[in-house]
C-alpha atoms as a PDB file:
ATOM      1  CA  MET A   1     -13.891 -15.100   3.644  1.00  0.00           C
ATOM      2  CA  THR A   2     -16.072 -12.184   4.112  1.00  0.00           C
ATOM      3  CA  ILE A   3     -17.261  -9.042   1.809  1.00  0.00           C
ATOM      4  CA  LYS A   4     -16.172  -6.532   3.941  1.00  0.00           C
ATOM      5  CA  THR A   5     -12.290  -8.254   4.027  1.00  0.00           C
ATOM      6  CA  ASP A   6     -12.580  -8.858   0.498  1.00  0.00           C
ATOM      7  CA  ILE A   7     -13.313  -4.988  -0.221  1.00  0.00           C
ATOM      8  CA  PHE A   8     -10.365  -4.584   1.610  1.00  0.00           C
ATOM      9  CA  HIS A   9      -8.523  -6.016  -0.469  1.00  0.00           C
ATOM     10  CA  HIS A  10      -9.654  -4.672  -3.464  1.00  0.00           C
ATOM     11  CA  LEU A  11      -8.987  -1.006  -2.394  1.00  0.00           C
ATOM     12  CA  ALA A  12      -5.276  -2.515  -1.611  1.00  0.00           C
ATOM     13  CA  LEU A  13      -4.719  -4.015  -5.218  1.00  0.00           C
ATOM     14  CA  ALA A  14      -6.100  -0.399  -6.812  1.00  0.00           C
ATOM     15  CA  ALA A  15      -3.929   1.789  -4.665  1.00  0.00           C
ATOM     16  CA  PHE A  16      -1.168  -0.638  -5.143  1.00  0.00           C
ATOM     17  CA  ILE A  17      -1.589  -0.892  -9.435  1.00  0.00           C
ATOM     18  CA  GLY A  18      -1.987   2.985  -9.345  1.00  0.00           C
ATOM     19  CA  LEU A  19       1.084   3.200  -7.309  1.00  0.00           C
ATOM     20  CA  PHE A  20       2.782   0.952  -9.859  1.00  0.00           C
ATOM     21  CA  VAL A  21       1.817   3.100 -12.764  1.00  0.00           C
ATOM     22  CA  LEU A  22       2.656   6.052 -11.273  1.00  0.00           C
ATOM     23  CA  LEU A  23       6.148   4.499 -10.281  1.00  0.00           C
ATOM     24  CA  MET A  24       6.621   3.524 -13.857  1.00  0.00           C
ATOM     25  CA  LEU A  25       5.228   6.989 -15.648  1.00  0.00           C
ATOM     26  CA  TRP A  26       7.024   9.306 -13.704  1.00  0.00           C
ATOM     27  CA  PRO A  27      10.458   8.885 -14.087  1.00  0.00           C
ATOM     28  CA  THR A  28      10.202   7.883 -17.563  1.00  0.00           C
ATOM     29  CA  VAL A  29       6.749  10.256 -19.307  1.00  0.00           C
ATOM     30  CA  LEU A  30       6.018  12.971 -16.581  1.00  0.00           C
ATOM     31  CA  MET A  31       9.458  13.925 -14.997  1.00  0.00           C
ATOM     32  CA  PRO A  32      12.550  12.191 -16.686  1.00  0.00           C
ATOM     33  CA  PRO A  33      15.708  13.051 -14.437  1.00  0.00           C
ATOM     34  CA  VAL A  34      18.271  14.716 -16.126  1.00  0.00           C
ATOM     35  CA  ASP A  35      21.297  13.893 -14.173  1.00  0.00           C
ATOM     36  CA  PHE A  36      20.064  10.112 -13.539  1.00  0.00           C
ATOM     37  CA  PRO A  37      19.978   7.163 -15.410  1.00  0.00           C
ATOM     38  CA  VAL A  38      16.029   6.128 -15.891  1.00  0.00           C
ATOM     39  CA  ALA A  39      16.258   2.300 -15.716  1.00  0.00           C
ATOM     40  CA  LEU A  40      18.616   2.880 -12.869  1.00  0.00           C
ATOM     41  CA  ARG A  41      15.924   4.896 -11.109  1.00  0.00           C
ATOM     42  CA  LEU A  42      12.780   2.410 -12.006  1.00  0.00           C
ATOM     43  CA  LEU A  43      14.936  -0.511 -10.437  1.00  0.00           C
ATOM     44  CA  ILE A  44      15.266   1.733  -6.957  1.00  0.00           C
ATOM     45  CA  THR A  45      11.801   2.284  -7.026  1.00  0.00           C
ATOM     46  CA  VAL A  46       9.916  -0.633  -8.266  1.00  0.00           C
ATOM     47  CA  THR A  47      11.596  -3.053  -7.261  1.00  0.00           C
ATOM     48  CA  PRO A  48      10.388  -3.219  -3.565  1.00  0.00           C
ATOM     49  CA  LEU A  49       6.993  -2.766  -4.280  1.00  0.00           C
ATOM     50  CA  LEU A  50       7.463  -6.102  -6.576  1.00  0.00           C
ATOM     51  CA  LEU A  51       8.634  -8.194  -3.611  1.00  0.00           C
ATOM     52  CA  PRO A  52       5.813  -9.139  -1.823  1.00  0.00           C
ATOM     53  CA  MET A  53       4.043  -8.700  -5.351  1.00  0.00           C
ATOM     54  CA  ARG A  54       3.200 -12.490  -6.243  1.00  0.00           C
ATOM     55  CA  GLY A  55       1.579 -13.323  -2.775  1.00  0.00           C
ATOM     56  CA  PHE A  56      -0.747  -9.958  -2.475  1.00  0.00           C
ATOM     57  CA  LEU A  57      -2.156 -10.736  -5.388  1.00  0.00           C
ATOM     58  CA  HIS A  58      -3.060 -14.415  -4.302  1.00  0.00           C
ATOM     59  CA  LYS A  59      -4.338 -13.170  -1.086  1.00  0.00           C
ATOM     60  CA  GLN A  60      -1.924 -14.585   0.892  1.00  0.00           C
ATOM     61  CA  LEU A  61      -1.939 -13.230   4.859  1.00  0.00           C
ATOM     62  CA  LYS A  62       1.876 -12.445   5.050  1.00  0.00           C
ATOM     63  CA  PRO A  63       2.957 -11.132   1.658  1.00  0.00           C
ATOM     64  CA  THR A  64      -0.064  -9.023   2.251  1.00  0.00           C
ATOM     65  CA  SER A  65       1.684  -7.569   5.642  1.00  0.00           C
ATOM     66  CA  TRP A  66       4.759  -7.214   4.067  1.00  0.00           C
ATOM     67  CA  MET A  67       3.410  -4.852   1.377  1.00  0.00           C
ATOM     68  CA  ALA A  68       1.714  -3.086   4.123  1.00  0.00           C
ATOM     69  CA  TYR A  69       5.073  -2.428   5.315  1.00  0.00           C
ATOM     70  CA  VAL A  70       6.761  -1.828   2.209  1.00  0.00           C
ATOM     71  CA  SER A  71       3.909   0.874   1.327  1.00  0.00           C
ATOM     72  CA  LEU A  72       5.269   3.053   4.432  1.00  0.00           C
ATOM     73  CA  ILE A  73       8.532   3.075   2.347  1.00  0.00           C
ATOM     74  CA  TYR A  74       6.534   5.152  -0.466  1.00  0.00           C
ATOM     75  CA  PHE A  75       4.918   7.043   2.008  1.00  0.00           C
ATOM     76  CA  ILE A  76       8.078   8.589   3.388  1.00  0.00           C
ATOM     77  CA  HIS A  77       9.606   9.190  -0.031  1.00  0.00           C
ATOM     78  CA  GLY A  78       6.163  11.070  -1.401  1.00  0.00           C
ATOM     79  CA  SER A  79       6.296  12.991   2.020  1.00  0.00           C
ATOM     80  CA  ILE A  80       9.420  13.780   1.413  1.00  0.00           C
ATOM     81  CA  GLU A  81       8.952  14.715  -2.003  1.00  0.00           C
ATOM     82  CA  ALA A  82       6.210  17.158  -1.296  1.00  0.00           C
ATOM     83  CA  TYR A  83       7.958  18.783   1.062  1.00  0.00           C
ATOM     84  CA  ALA A  84      11.587  19.357  -0.834  1.00  0.00           C
ATOM     85  CA  SER A  85      10.240  19.190  -4.680  1.00  0.00           C
ATOM     86  CA  THR A  86       7.427  22.252  -6.113  1.00  0.00           C
ATOM     87  CA  ASP A  87       8.026  20.720  -9.761  1.00  0.00           C
ATOM     88  CA  GLY A  88       6.247  16.956  -8.723  1.00  0.00           C
ATOM     89  CA  ARG A  89       4.483  18.198  -5.795  1.00  0.00           C
ATOM     90  CA  VAL A  90       1.630  16.791  -7.178  1.00  0.00           C
ATOM     91  CA  TYR A  91       2.667  13.282  -8.259  1.00  0.00           C
ATOM     92  CA  ALA A  92       4.877  13.318  -4.610  1.00  0.00           C
ATOM     93  CA  LEU A  93       1.125  13.826  -3.185  1.00  0.00           C
ATOM     94  CA  LEU A  94      -1.058  10.995  -5.022  1.00  0.00           C
ATOM     95  CA  GLU A  95       2.263   8.731  -4.488  1.00  0.00           C
ATOM     96  CA  THR A  96       1.419   9.537  -0.467  1.00  0.00           C
ATOM     97  CA  ALA A  97      -2.159   9.012  -0.977  1.00  0.00           C
ATOM     98  CA  LEU A  98      -1.826   5.543  -2.763  1.00  0.00           C
ATOM     99  CA  SER A  99       0.870   4.276  -0.415  1.00  0.00           C
ATOM    100  CA  LEU A 100      -1.708   4.847   2.595  1.00  0.00           C
ATOM    101  CA  VAL A 101      -5.006   3.692   0.802  1.00  0.00           C
ATOM    102  CA  LEU A 102      -2.566   0.255   0.224  1.00  0.00           C
ATOM    103  CA  PHE A 103      -1.519   0.511   3.617  1.00  0.00           C
ATOM    104  CA  PHE A 104      -4.405   0.624   5.301  1.00  0.00           C
ATOM    105  CA  GLY A 105      -6.038  -1.999   2.729  1.00  0.00           C
ATOM    106  CA  ALA A 106      -3.599  -4.310   3.257  1.00  0.00           C
ATOM    107  CA  ALA A 107      -3.715  -4.124   7.132  1.00  0.00           C
ATOM    108  CA  PHE A 108      -7.286  -4.247   7.669  1.00  0.00           C
ATOM    109  CA  TYR A 109      -7.523  -7.172   5.183  1.00  0.00           C
ATOM    110  CA  VAL A 110      -5.165  -8.964   7.323  1.00  0.00           C
ATOM    111  CA  ARG A 111      -6.963  -8.079  10.451  1.00  0.00           C
ATOM    112  CA  GLY A 112     -10.232  -8.828   9.103  1.00  0.00           C
ATOM    113  CA  MET A 113      -8.545 -12.332   7.964  1.00  0.00           C
ATOM    114  CA  LYS A 114      -7.011 -13.117  11.298  1.00  0.00           C
ATOM    115  CA  LYS A 115     -10.033 -13.103  13.174  1.00  0.00           C
ATOM    116  CA  HIS A 116     -11.514 -15.591  11.052  1.00  0.00           C
END
């Protein structure tokens, strides 16, 4: 493992933690939904991010590449939410940015590790 690929993994890890915290705080503290159960919203939004988490934290290539794919779901959600809602636009743009950092960090980590 080179220092460059390690930096990409740390960058992806920081974006993962930021995205996880944002997805936990958004429906509970920042903008609680009025007409939808909070627990169900947390279950729907956070579960896909948790599926490849164990392998991603252990720097395994296949779960890390899946983490990159899963981050695209959050990119789409953040983009649509930023366009549709004016109230939560800041949180949606933050979700979009964090998902992009997670995607590129994980993708470049996998790419760098496959070269070795």
